[in-house]
Amino acid sequence: PPKGHLAVYVGGEKEGGPSRRYMVPVIYFNHPLFGELLRESEEEFGFHHPGGITIPCPAAKFELVRTRIAAAEDNNKLRR
């Protein structure tokens, strides 16, 4: 992965298809919206899930969250 990013896997069998791999900036892991997705993952898989971080939600929901976080980050940069 690029520096400052982690791979996460979204979707999967529960969502009706294979999981998709996304590269996510590490800073997103501190955002409350991303935290909600991580809590869903914890509820589904627990902390000791083998493999990468898997988020059991539809890709469209994940992409919406990612877009909202990116927009908030851009907005914060404009304020500085």
PDB file of N, CA and C in Angstrom:
ATOM      1  N   PRO A   1       0.828  -1.210   0.000  1.00  0.00           N
ATOM      2  CA  PRO A   1       0.000   0.000   0.000  1.00  0.00           C
ATOM      3  C   PRO A   1       0.864   1.263   0.000  1.00  0.00           C
ATOM      4  N   PRO A   2       0.327   2.345  -0.518  1.00  0.00           N
ATOM      5  CA  PRO A   2       1.061   3.608  -0.463  1.00  0.00           C
ATOM      6  C   PRO A   2       1.289   4.026   0.995  1.00  0.00           C
ATOM      7  N   LYS A   3       2.322   4.800   1.226  1.00  0.00           N
ATOM      8  CA  LYS A   3       2.628   5.265   2.580  1.00  0.00           C
ATOM      9  C   LYS A   3       1.428   6.010   3.157  1.00  0.00           C
ATOM     10  N   GLY A   4       1.088   5.691   4.408  1.00  0.00           N
ATOM     11  CA  GLY A   4      -0.025   6.351   5.077  1.00  0.00           C
ATOM     12  C   GLY A   4      -1.385   5.766   4.749  1.00  0.00           C
ATOM     13  N   HIS A   5      -1.420   4.602   4.109  1.00  0.00           N
ATOM     14  CA  HIS A   5      -2.676   3.950   3.730  1.00  0.00           C
ATOM     15  C   HIS A   5      -2.686   2.502   4.220  1.00  0.00           C
ATOM     16  N   LEU A   6      -3.886   1.972   4.422  1.00  0.00           N
ATOM     17  CA  LEU A   6      -4.084   0.559   4.734  1.00  0.00           C
ATOM     18  C   LEU A   6      -5.123  -0.004   3.778  1.00  0.00           C
ATOM     19  N   ALA A   7      -4.998  -1.288   3.488  1.00  0.00           N
ATOM     20  CA  ALA A   7      -6.001  -1.957   2.663  1.00  0.00           C
ATOM     21  C   ALA A   7      -7.156  -2.409   3.549  1.00  0.00           C
ATOM     22  N   VAL A   8      -8.375  -2.185   3.089  1.00  0.00           N
ATOM     23  CA  VAL A   8      -9.562  -2.738   3.742  1.00  0.00           C
ATOM     24  C   VAL A   8     -10.376  -3.452   2.676  1.00  0.00           C
ATOM     25  N   TYR A   9     -11.098  -4.469   3.097  1.00  0.00           N
ATOM     26  CA  TYR A   9     -11.933  -5.248   2.199  1.00  0.00           C
ATOM     27  C   TYR A   9     -13.384  -4.979   2.553  1.00  0.00           C
ATOM     28  N   VAL A  10     -14.178  -4.673   1.547  1.00  0.00           N
ATOM     29  CA  VAL A  10     -15.561  -4.244   1.760  1.00  0.00           C
ATOM     30  C   VAL A  10     -16.500  -5.195   1.041  1.00  0.00           C
ATOM     31  N   GLY A  11     -17.613  -5.517   1.713  1.00  0.00           N
ATOM     32  CA  GLY A  11     -18.615  -6.387   1.109  1.00  0.00           C
ATOM     33  C   GLY A  11     -18.327  -7.832   1.436  1.00  0.00           C
ATOM     34  N   GLY A  12     -18.508  -8.685   0.458  1.00  0.00           N
ATOM     35  CA  GLY A  12     -18.268 -10.106   0.655  1.00  0.00           C
ATOM     36  C   GLY A  12     -19.540 -10.896   0.459  1.00  0.00           C
ATOM     37  N   GLU A  13     -19.491 -12.155   0.855  1.00  0.00           N
ATOM     38  CA  GLU A  13     -20.616 -13.066   0.631  1.00  0.00           C
ATOM     39  C   GLU A  13     -21.914 -12.545   1.229  1.00  0.00           C
ATOM     40  N   LYS A  14     -21.835 -11.964   2.415  1.00  0.00           N
ATOM     41  CA  LYS A  14     -23.041 -11.455   3.071  1.00  0.00           C
ATOM     42  C   LYS A  14     -23.721 -10.393   2.215  1.00  0.00           C
ATOM     43  N   GLU A  15     -22.923  -9.652   1.454  1.00  0.00           N
ATOM     44  CA  GLU A  15     -23.453  -8.577   0.607  1.00  0.00           C
ATOM     45  C   GLU A  15     -23.729  -9.053  -0.814  1.00  0.00           C
ATOM     46  N   GLY A  16     -23.615 -10.359  -1.056  1.00  0.00           N
ATOM     47  CA  GLY A  16     -23.992 -10.918  -2.348  1.00  0.00           C
ATOM     48  C   GLY A  16     -22.912 -10.924  -3.411  1.00  0.00           C
ATOM     49  N   GLY A  17     -21.668 -10.884  -3.019  1.00  0.00           N
ATOM     50  CA  GLY A  17     -20.602 -10.923  -4.013  1.00  0.00           C
ATOM     51  C   GLY A  17     -19.240 -10.923  -3.362  1.00  0.00           C
ATOM     52  N   PRO A  18     -18.204 -10.905  -4.179  1.00  0.00           N
ATOM     53  CA  PRO A  18     -16.855 -10.894  -3.614  1.00  0.00           C
ATOM     54  C   PRO A  18     -16.551  -9.550  -2.957  1.00  0.00           C
ATOM     55  N   SER A  19     -15.632  -9.567  -2.017  1.00  0.00           N
ATOM     56  CA  SER A  19     -15.252  -8.308  -1.381  1.00  0.00           C
ATOM     57  C   SER A  19     -14.369  -7.500  -2.329  1.00  0.00           C
ATOM     58  N   ARG A  20     -14.407  -6.185  -2.152  1.00  0.00           N
ATOM     59  CA  ARG A  20     -13.574  -5.275  -2.940  1.00  0.00           C
ATOM     60  C   ARG A  20     -12.498  -4.699  -2.036  1.00  0.00           C
ATOM     61  N   ARG A  21     -11.314  -4.527  -2.581  1.00  0.00           N
ATOM     62  CA  ARG A  21     -10.184  -3.985  -1.821  1.00  0.00           C
ATOM     63  C   ARG A  21     -10.084  -2.485  -2.075  1.00  0.00           C
ATOM     64  N   TYR A  22      -9.973  -1.732  -0.988  1.00  0.00           N
ATOM     65  CA  TYR A  22      -9.815  -0.279  -1.058  1.00  0.00           C
ATOM     66  C   TYR A  22      -8.565   0.113  -0.285  1.00  0.00           C
ATOM     67  N   MET A  23      -7.880   1.137  -0.754  1.00  0.00           N
ATOM     68  CA  MET A  23      -6.759   1.719  -0.024  1.00  0.00           C
ATOM     69  C   MET A  23      -7.308   2.937   0.720  1.00  0.00           C
ATOM     70  N   VAL A  24      -7.159   2.935   2.029  1.00  0.00           N
ATOM     71  CA  VAL A  24      -7.760   3.971   2.865  1.00  0.00           C
ATOM     72  C   VAL A  24      -6.663   4.719   3.622  1.00  0.00           C
ATOM     73  N   PRO A  25      -6.689   6.049   3.583  1.00  0.00           N
ATOM     74  CA  PRO A  25      -5.714   6.803   4.382  1.00  0.00           C
ATOM     75  C   PRO A  25      -5.874   6.469   5.869  1.00  0.00           C
ATOM     76  N   VAL A  26      -4.770   6.287   6.549  1.00  0.00           N
ATOM     77  CA  VAL A  26      -4.792   5.931   7.971  1.00  0.00           C
ATOM     78  C   VAL A  26      -5.579   6.958   8.783  1.00  0.00           C
ATOM     79  N   ILE A  27      -5.527   8.218   8.401  1.00  0.00           N
ATOM     80  CA  ILE A  27      -6.231   9.279   9.130  1.00  0.00           C
ATOM     81  C   ILE A  27      -7.739   9.009   9.204  1.00  0.00           C
ATOM     82  N   TYR A  28      -8.300   8.298   8.234  1.00  0.00           N
ATOM     83  CA  TYR A  28      -9.734   7.988   8.233  1.00  0.00           C
ATOM     84  C   TYR A  28     -10.136   7.143   9.439  1.00  0.00           C
ATOM     85  N   PHE A  29      -9.207   6.345   9.964  1.00  0.00           N
ATOM     86  CA  PHE A  29      -9.529   5.461  11.076  1.00  0.00           C
ATOM     87  C   PHE A  29      -9.896   6.239  12.336  1.00  0.00           C
ATOM     88  N   ASN A  30      -9.569   7.520  12.395  1.00  0.00           N
ATOM     89  CA  ASN A  30      -9.935   8.366  13.533  1.00  0.00           C
ATOM     90  C   ASN A  30     -11.270   9.072  13.340  1.00  0.00           C
ATOM     91  N   HIS A  31     -11.850   8.987  12.161  1.00  0.00           N
ATOM     92  CA  HIS A  31     -13.096   9.702  11.873  1.00  0.00           C
ATOM     93  C   HIS A  31     -14.294   8.918  12.425  1.00  0.00           C
ATOM     94  N   PRO A  32     -15.269   9.601  13.043  1.00  0.00           N
ATOM     95  CA  PRO A  32     -16.435   8.909  13.619  1.00  0.00           C
ATOM     96  C   PRO A  32     -17.218   8.068  12.606  1.00  0.00           C
ATOM     97  N   LEU A  33     -17.364   8.528  11.373  1.00  0.00           N
ATOM     98  CA  LEU A  33     -18.099   7.740  10.375  1.00  0.00           C
ATOM     99  C   LEU A  33     -17.373   6.434  10.069  1.00  0.00           C
ATOM    100  N   PHE A  34     -16.062   6.494   9.952  1.00  0.00           N
ATOM    101  CA  PHE A  34     -15.294   5.278   9.695  1.00  0.00           C
ATOM    102  C   PHE A  34     -15.315   4.381  10.925  1.00  0.00           C
ATOM    103  N   GLY A  35     -15.320   5.006  12.105  1.00  0.00           N
ATOM    104  CA  GLY A  35     -15.417   4.242  13.344  1.00  0.00           C
ATOM    105  C   GLY A  35     -16.676   3.395  13.398  1.00  0.00           C
ATOM    106  N   GLU A  36     -17.776   3.926  12.870  1.00  0.00           N
ATOM    107  CA  GLU A  36     -19.027   3.148  12.814  1.00  0.00           C
ATOM    108  C   GLU A  36     -18.844   1.898  11.959  1.00  0.00           C
ATOM    109  N   LEU A  37     -18.182   2.048  10.816  1.00  0.00           N
ATOM    110  CA  LEU A  37     -17.934   0.890   9.949  1.00  0.00           C
ATOM    111  C   LEU A  37     -17.045  -0.131  10.655  1.00  0.00           C
ATOM    112  N   LEU A  38     -16.064   0.346  11.392  1.00  0.00           N
ATOM    113  CA  LEU A  38     -15.183  -0.566  12.124  1.00  0.00           C
ATOM    114  C   LEU A  38     -15.935  -1.295  13.234  1.00  0.00           C
ATOM    115  N   ARG A  39     -16.885  -0.614  13.879  1.00  0.00           N
ATOM    116  CA  ARG A  39     -17.705  -1.281  14.908  1.00  0.00           C
ATOM    117  C   ARG A  39     -18.561  -2.381  14.278  1.00  0.00           C
ATOM    118  N   GLU A  40     -19.093  -2.121  13.085  1.00  0.00           N
ATOM    119  CA  GLU A  40     -19.858  -3.160  12.384  1.00  0.00           C
ATOM    120  C   GLU A  40     -18.967  -4.370  12.112  1.00  0.00           C
ATOM    121  N   SER A  41     -17.737  -4.107  11.719  1.00  0.00           N
ATOM    122  CA  SER A  41     -16.790  -5.184  11.457  1.00  0.00           C
ATOM    123  C   SER A  41     -16.497  -5.973  12.731  1.00  0.00           C
ATOM    124  N   GLU A  42     -16.309  -5.253  13.831  1.00  0.00           N
ATOM    125  CA  GLU A  42     -16.047  -5.919  15.108  1.00  0.00           C
ATOM    126  C   GLU A  42     -17.225  -6.799  15.509  1.00  0.00           C
ATOM    127  N   GLU A  43     -18.452  -6.294  15.343  1.00  0.00           N
ATOM    128  CA  GLU A  43     -19.638  -7.073  15.697  1.00  0.00           C
ATOM    129  C   GLU A  43     -19.748  -8.328  14.837  1.00  0.00           C
ATOM    130  N   GLU A  44     -19.406  -8.208  13.571  1.00  0.00           N
ATOM    131  CA  GLU A  44     -19.517  -9.332  12.639  1.00  0.00           C
ATOM    132  C   GLU A  44     -18.396 -10.352  12.826  1.00  0.00           C
ATOM    133  N   PHE A  45     -17.163  -9.884  12.965  1.00  0.00           N
ATOM    134  CA  PHE A  45     -16.007 -10.778  12.932  1.00  0.00           C
ATOM    135  C   PHE A  45     -15.218 -10.848  14.229  1.00  0.00           C
ATOM    136  N   GLY A  46     -15.393  -9.899  15.130  1.00  0.00           N
ATOM    137  CA  GLY A  46     -14.566  -9.842  16.333  1.00  0.00           C
ATOM    138  C   GLY A  46     -13.208  -9.241  16.017  1.00  0.00           C
ATOM    139  N   PHE A  47     -12.354  -9.203  17.031  1.00  0.00           N
ATOM    140  CA  PHE A  47     -11.035  -8.594  16.859  1.00  0.00           C
ATOM    141  C   PHE A  47     -10.023  -9.544  16.239  1.00  0.00           C
ATOM    142  N   HIS A  48     -10.254 -10.826  16.315  1.00  0.00           N
ATOM    143  CA  HIS A  48      -9.254 -11.807  15.886  1.00  0.00           C
ATOM    144  C   HIS A  48      -9.629 -12.448  14.559  1.00  0.00           C
ATOM    145  N   HIS A  49     -10.073 -11.643  13.627  1.00  0.00           N
ATOM    146  CA  HIS A  49     -10.438 -12.108  12.289  1.00  0.00           C
ATOM    147  C   HIS A  49      -9.166 -12.307  11.471  1.00  0.00           C
ATOM    148  N   PRO A  50      -8.989 -13.486  10.857  1.00  0.00           N
ATOM    149  CA  PRO A  50      -7.781 -13.688  10.049  1.00  0.00           C
ATOM    150  C   PRO A  50      -7.819 -12.837   8.776  1.00  0.00           C
ATOM    151  N   GLY A  51      -6.680 -12.422   8.331  1.00  0.00           N
ATOM    152  CA  GLY A  51      -6.606 -11.637   7.096  1.00  0.00           C
ATOM    153  C   GLY A  51      -6.720 -10.154   7.368  1.00  0.00           C
ATOM    154  N   GLY A  52      -7.020  -9.415   6.315  1.00  0.00           N
ATOM    155  CA  GLY A  52      -7.096  -7.962   6.403  1.00  0.00           C
ATOM    156  C   GLY A  52      -8.363  -7.484   7.079  1.00  0.00           C
ATOM    157  N   ILE A  53      -8.460  -6.187   7.233  1.00  0.00           N
ATOM    158  CA  ILE A  53      -9.646  -5.569   7.822  1.00  0.00           C
ATOM    159  C   ILE A  53     -10.784  -5.712   6.825  1.00  0.00           C
ATOM    160  N   THR A  54     -11.863  -6.352   7.261  1.00  0.00           N
ATOM    161  CA  THR A  54     -13.023  -6.575   6.405  1.00  0.00           C
ATOM    162  C   THR A  54     -14.208  -5.822   6.977  1.00  0.00           C
ATOM    163  N   ILE A  55     -14.859  -5.029   6.133  1.00  0.00           N
ATOM    164  CA  ILE A  55     -16.020  -4.251   6.552  1.00  0.00           C
ATOM    165  C   ILE A  55     -17.248  -4.826   5.852  1.00  0.00           C
ATOM    166  N   PRO A  56     -18.188  -5.394   6.631  1.00  0.00           N
ATOM    167  CA  PRO A  56     -19.336  -6.086   6.047  1.00  0.00           C
ATOM    168  C   PRO A  56     -20.482  -5.142   5.688  1.00  0.00           C
ATOM    169  N   CYS A  57     -20.264  -4.288   4.702  1.00  0.00           N
ATOM    170  CA  CYS A  57     -21.330  -3.397   4.257  1.00  0.00           C
ATOM    171  C   CYS A  57     -21.282  -3.327   2.739  1.00  0.00           C
ATOM    172  N   PRO A  58     -22.359  -2.885   2.119  1.00  0.00           N
ATOM    173  CA  PRO A  58     -22.330  -2.726   0.663  1.00  0.00           C
ATOM    174  C   PRO A  58     -21.262  -1.708   0.248  1.00  0.00           C
ATOM    175  N   ALA A  59     -20.648  -1.952  -0.890  1.00  0.00           N
ATOM    176  CA  ALA A  59     -19.611  -1.044  -1.390  1.00  0.00           C
ATOM    177  C   ALA A  59     -20.147   0.375  -1.535  1.00  0.00           C
ATOM    178  N   ALA A  60     -21.406   0.523  -1.941  1.00  0.00           N
ATOM    179  CA  ALA A  60     -21.983   1.864  -2.127  1.00  0.00           C
ATOM    180  C   ALA A  60     -22.005   2.635  -0.807  1.00  0.00           C
ATOM    181  N   LYS A  61     -22.324   1.964   0.295  1.00  0.00           N
ATOM    182  CA  LYS A  61     -22.332   2.621   1.607  1.00  0.00           C
ATOM    183  C   LYS A  61     -20.910   3.033   1.986  1.00  0.00           C
ATOM    184  N   PHE A  62     -19.948   2.131   1.775  1.00  0.00           N
ATOM    185  CA  PHE A  62     -18.560   2.442   2.093  1.00  0.00           C
ATOM    186  C   PHE A  62     -18.075   3.636   1.274  1.00  0.00           C
ATOM    187  N   GLU A  63     -18.401   3.647  -0.006  1.00  0.00           N
ATOM    188  CA  GLU A  63     -17.968   4.745  -0.874  1.00  0.00           C
ATOM    189  C   GLU A  63     -18.592   6.072  -0.444  1.00  0.00           C
ATOM    190  N   LEU A  64     -19.841   6.037   0.017  1.00  0.00           N
ATOM    191  CA  LEU A  64     -20.487   7.252   0.520  1.00  0.00           C
ATOM    192  C   LEU A  64     -19.751   7.775   1.757  1.00  0.00           C
ATOM    193  N   VAL A  65     -19.438   6.881   2.680  1.00  0.00           N
ATOM    194  CA  VAL A  65     -18.705   7.276   3.886  1.00  0.00           C
ATOM    195  C   VAL A  65     -17.340   7.841   3.505  1.00  0.00           C
ATOM    196  N   ARG A  66     -16.657   7.165   2.603  1.00  0.00           N
ATOM    197  CA  ARG A  66     -15.332   7.625   2.171  1.00  0.00           C
ATOM    198  C   ARG A  66     -15.411   9.012   1.530  1.00  0.00           C
ATOM    199  N   THR A  67     -16.431   9.237   0.719  1.00  0.00           N
ATOM    200  CA  THR A  67     -16.619  10.537   0.069  1.00  0.00           C
ATOM    201  C   THR A  67     -16.893  11.624   1.101  1.00  0.00           C
ATOM    202  N   ARG A  68     -17.728  11.314   2.095  1.00  0.00           N
ATOM    203  CA  ARG A  68     -18.054  12.299   3.130  1.00  0.00           C
ATOM    204  C   ARG A  68     -16.828  12.653   3.967  1.00  0.00           C
ATOM    205  N   ILE A  69     -16.007  11.651   4.290  1.00  0.00           N
ATOM    206  CA  ILE A  69     -14.794  11.917   5.063  1.00  0.00           C
ATOM    207  C   ILE A  69     -13.828  12.760   4.236  1.00  0.00           C
ATOM    208  N   ALA A  70     -13.662  12.423   2.969  1.00  0.00           N
ATOM    209  CA  ALA A  70     -12.758  13.183   2.097  1.00  0.00           C
ATOM    210  C   ALA A  70     -13.225  14.629   1.971  1.00  0.00           C
ATOM    211  N   ALA A  71     -14.536  14.836   1.843  1.00  0.00           N
ATOM    212  CA  ALA A  71     -15.074  16.195   1.737  1.00  0.00           C
ATOM    213  C   ALA A  71     -14.808  16.972   3.021  1.00  0.00           C
ATOM    214  N   ALA A  72     -14.969  16.322   4.163  1.00  0.00           N
ATOM    215  CA  ALA A  72     -14.706  16.981   5.446  1.00  0.00           C
ATOM    216  C   ALA A  72     -13.224  17.332   5.566  1.00  0.00           C
ATOM    217  N   GLU A  73     -12.354  16.431   5.121  1.00  0.00           N
ATOM    218  CA  GLU A  73     -10.914  16.696   5.156  1.00  0.00           C
ATOM    219  C   GLU A  73     -10.570  17.882   4.262  1.00  0.00           C
ATOM    220  N   ASP A  74     -11.152  17.918   3.060  1.00  0.00           N
ATOM    221  CA  ASP A  74     -10.909  19.036   2.141  1.00  0.00           C
ATOM    222  C   ASP A  74     -11.400  20.347   2.747  1.00  0.00           C
ATOM    223  N   ASN A  75     -12.563  20.301   3.388  1.00  0.00           N
ATOM    224  CA  ASN A  75     -13.132  21.489   4.018  1.00  0.00           C
ATOM    225  C   ASN A  75     -12.223  21.988   5.141  1.00  0.00           C
ATOM    226  N   ASN A  76     -11.675  21.055   5.921  1.00  0.00           N
ATOM    227  CA  ASN A  76     -10.759  21.433   7.004  1.00  0.00           C
ATOM    228  C   ASN A  76      -9.500  22.089   6.457  1.00  0.00           C
ATOM    229  N   LYS A  77      -9.004  21.604   5.331  1.00  0.00           N
ATOM    230  CA  LYS A  77      -7.800  22.188   4.725  1.00  0.00           C
ATOM    231  C   LYS A  77      -8.066  23.608   4.251  1.00  0.00           C
ATOM    232  N   LEU A  78      -9.278  23.855   3.751  1.00  0.00           N
ATOM    233  CA  LEU A  78      -9.618  25.190   3.270  1.00  0.00           C
ATOM    234  C   LEU A  78      -9.685  26.201   4.412  1.00  0.00           C
ATOM    235  N   ARG A  79     -10.055  25.741   5.600  1.00  0.00           N
ATOM    236  CA  ARG A  79     -10.186  26.633   6.758  1.00  0.00           C
ATOM    237  C   ARG A  79      -8.838  27.055   7.323  1.00  0.00           C
ATOM    238  N   ARG A  80      -7.807  26.301   7.047  1.00  0.00           N
ATOM    239  CA  ARG A  80      -6.485  26.578   7.637  1.00  0.00           C
ATOM    240  C   ARG A  80      -5.831  27.762   7.013  1.00  0.00           C
TER     241      ARG A  80
END
